[in-house]
N, C-alpha and C. Protein backbone atom coordinates (compact mmCIF):
# COMPACT_ATOMS: atom_id res chain seq x y z
N MET A 1 31.82 -63.86 -59.65
CA MET A 1 31.38 -62.82 -59.32
C MET A 1 32.22 -61.13 -59.76
N PRO A 2 31.34 -60.41 -59.88
CA PRO A 2 31.83 -59.22 -60.27
C PRO A 2 33.01 -58.51 -58.87
N ALA A 3 33.99 -57.89 -59.05
CA ALA A 3 34.79 -57.29 -58.08
C ALA A 3 35.24 -56.15 -58.89
N VAL A 4 35.45 -55.18 -57.63
CA VAL A 4 36.05 -53.55 -58.08
C VAL A 4 37.41 -54.04 -58.01
N VAL A 5 37.93 -53.27 -58.85
CA VAL A 5 39.43 -53.33 -58.88
C VAL A 5 39.81 -52.14 -58.28
N GLY A 6 40.66 -52.03 -57.19
CA GLY A 6 41.21 -50.80 -56.15
C GLY A 6 41.00 -49.66 -56.83
N ASP A 7 42.31 -49.06 -57.27
CA ASP A 7 42.26 -47.65 -57.57
C ASP A 7 41.47 -47.11 -58.69
N SER A 8 40.93 -48.01 -59.44
CA SER A 8 40.11 -47.96 -60.52
C SER A 8 38.66 -47.14 -60.18
N CYS A 9 38.13 -47.53 -59.11
CA CYS A 9 36.77 -46.99 -58.86
C CYS A 9 36.84 -45.47 -58.03
N ASP A 10 36.38 -44.62 -58.92
CA ASP A 10 36.43 -43.33 -58.21
C ASP A 10 34.82 -43.11 -57.42
N GLY A 11 34.21 -44.03 -56.88
CA GLY A 11 33.08 -43.67 -56.22
C GLY A 11 31.71 -43.22 -57.02
N CYS A 12 31.78 -43.43 -58.38
CA CYS A 12 30.82 -42.34 -59.05
C CYS A 12 29.50 -43.08 -58.56
N GLY A 13 29.28 -44.14 -58.33
CA GLY A 13 28.21 -44.69 -58.36
C GLY A 13 26.73 -45.12 -58.91
N VAL A 14 27.70 -45.21 -60.38
CA VAL A 14 26.76 -45.60 -61.74
C VAL A 14 26.65 -47.27 -61.41
N CYS A 15 27.22 -47.76 -61.01
CA CYS A 15 26.97 -49.09 -60.82
C CYS A 15 26.05 -49.43 -59.84
N VAL A 16 25.83 -48.51 -58.82
CA VAL A 16 25.07 -48.75 -57.56
C VAL A 16 23.43 -48.70 -58.39
N ASP A 17 23.29 -47.70 -58.89
CA ASP A 17 22.23 -47.30 -59.69
C ASP A 17 21.58 -48.09 -60.85
N GLU A 18 22.90 -48.78 -61.54
CA GLU A 18 22.39 -49.90 -62.66
C GLU A 18 22.14 -51.01 -62.15
N CYS A 19 22.44 -51.57 -60.71
CA CYS A 19 22.38 -52.96 -60.17
C CYS A 19 20.78 -53.27 -60.11
N PRO A 20 20.09 -54.11 -60.84
CA PRO A 20 19.12 -54.47 -60.25
C PRO A 20 18.72 -55.53 -59.03
N MET A 21 19.83 -55.62 -58.67
CA MET A 21 19.13 -56.36 -57.22
C MET A 21 19.68 -55.73 -56.11
N GLY A 22 20.47 -54.50 -56.24
CA GLY A 22 21.21 -53.77 -55.40
C GLY A 22 21.95 -54.35 -54.14
N ALA A 23 22.69 -55.02 -55.27
CA ALA A 23 23.85 -55.63 -54.38
C ALA A 23 25.25 -54.87 -54.17
N ILE A 24 25.47 -53.59 -54.63
CA ILE A 24 26.46 -52.79 -54.79
C ILE A 24 26.06 -51.79 -53.60
N GLU A 25 27.31 -51.19 -52.87
CA GLU A 25 26.92 -50.05 -51.81
C GLU A 25 28.58 -49.43 -52.11
N LEU A 26 28.36 -48.14 -51.93
CA LEU A 26 29.22 -47.38 -51.89
C LEU A 26 30.10 -47.23 -50.89
N GLU A 27 31.19 -47.35 -50.37
CA GLU A 27 32.10 -47.30 -49.14
C GLU A 27 33.33 -46.30 -49.45
N ASP A 28 33.33 -45.35 -49.78
CA ASP A 28 34.28 -44.96 -50.75
C ASP A 28 34.78 -45.03 -52.08
N LYS A 29 34.52 -46.61 -52.28
CA LYS A 29 34.47 -47.41 -53.60
C LYS A 29 33.32 -48.30 -53.33
N ALA A 30 32.96 -48.65 -54.64
CA ALA A 30 32.03 -49.88 -54.67
C ALA A 30 31.84 -51.07 -54.25
N VAL A 31 31.29 -51.44 -53.23
CA VAL A 31 31.43 -53.08 -52.92
C VAL A 31 30.56 -53.78 -52.93
N VAL A 32 30.53 -55.09 -53.88
CA VAL A 32 29.32 -55.88 -54.05
C VAL A 32 29.16 -56.88 -53.27
N ASP A 33 27.95 -57.44 -52.79
CA ASP A 33 27.68 -58.18 -51.75
C ASP A 33 27.56 -59.37 -52.38
N PRO A 34 28.41 -60.31 -52.29
CA PRO A 34 28.16 -61.72 -53.16
C PRO A 34 26.92 -62.35 -52.23
N GLU A 35 26.14 -62.45 -51.49
CA GLU A 35 24.88 -62.97 -51.15
C GLU A 35 23.90 -62.31 -51.86
N ILE A 36 23.84 -61.19 -52.32
CA ILE A 36 22.92 -60.99 -53.17
C ILE A 36 22.97 -60.59 -54.64
N CYS A 37 24.42 -60.29 -54.85
CA CYS A 37 24.89 -60.75 -56.73
C CYS A 37 24.35 -61.93 -57.18
N THR A 38 23.87 -61.47 -58.46
CA THR A 38 23.24 -62.77 -59.51
C THR A 38 24.00 -62.68 -60.34
N GLU A 39 25.35 -62.17 -60.55
CA GLU A 39 26.31 -62.04 -61.44
C GLU A 39 25.79 -61.61 -62.88
N CYS A 40 24.87 -60.76 -63.14
CA CYS A 40 24.31 -60.73 -64.35
C CYS A 40 25.20 -59.67 -64.97
N GLY A 41 26.24 -59.18 -64.33
CA GLY A 41 26.99 -58.10 -65.36
C GLY A 41 26.90 -56.38 -66.06
N SER A 42 25.69 -56.27 -65.34
CA SER A 42 25.33 -54.90 -65.56
C SER A 42 26.04 -53.55 -64.93
N CYS A 43 26.73 -54.12 -63.92
CA CYS A 43 27.57 -53.09 -63.45
C CYS A 43 28.97 -53.09 -64.23
N ILE A 44 29.46 -53.91 -64.81
CA ILE A 44 30.21 -54.22 -65.31
C ILE A 44 30.25 -53.19 -66.52
N ASP A 45 29.26 -53.37 -67.63
CA ASP A 45 28.65 -52.93 -68.75
C ASP A 45 28.52 -51.25 -68.03
N VAL A 46 28.13 -50.94 -67.22
CA VAL A 46 27.87 -49.38 -67.09
C VAL A 46 29.01 -48.53 -66.36
N CYS A 47 30.24 -49.29 -65.94
CA CYS A 47 31.34 -48.92 -65.13
C CYS A 47 32.21 -47.81 -66.27
N PRO A 48 32.11 -46.21 -66.19
CA PRO A 48 32.86 -45.64 -66.88
C PRO A 48 34.55 -45.92 -66.40
N ASN A 49 34.75 -46.33 -65.85
CA ASN A 49 36.40 -46.63 -65.55
C ASN A 49 36.82 -47.82 -65.71
N GLU A 50 35.97 -48.73 -65.77
CA GLU A 50 36.19 -50.34 -66.30
C GLU A 50 36.78 -50.61 -64.88
N ALA A 51 36.30 -50.36 -63.59
CA ALA A 51 36.73 -50.83 -62.25
C ALA A 51 36.17 -51.83 -61.89
N ILE A 52 34.99 -52.62 -62.70
CA ILE A 52 34.46 -53.84 -62.03
C ILE A 52 34.94 -54.85 -63.04
N THR A 53 35.38 -56.00 -62.56
CA THR A 53 35.65 -57.31 -63.53
C THR A 53 35.19 -58.17 -63.06
N MET A 54 34.80 -59.51 -63.73
CA MET A 54 34.10 -60.54 -63.52
C MET A 54 35.30 -61.32 -63.20
N GLU A 55 35.36 -61.91 -61.75
CA GLU A 55 36.42 -62.80 -61.23
C GLU A 55 35.78 -64.36 -61.46
């Protein structure tokens, strides 16, 4: 499951735009909804700050 790494996320929203399932919302930082996420990894690939990792 993708997880946002604390201070690395600056809330740019690139992952929100890239997620094909709409599983990411911004609340100052990106938050992944595990009920919707299919673990495709596209958010990890596009994050310019490498703030999202796979748990």
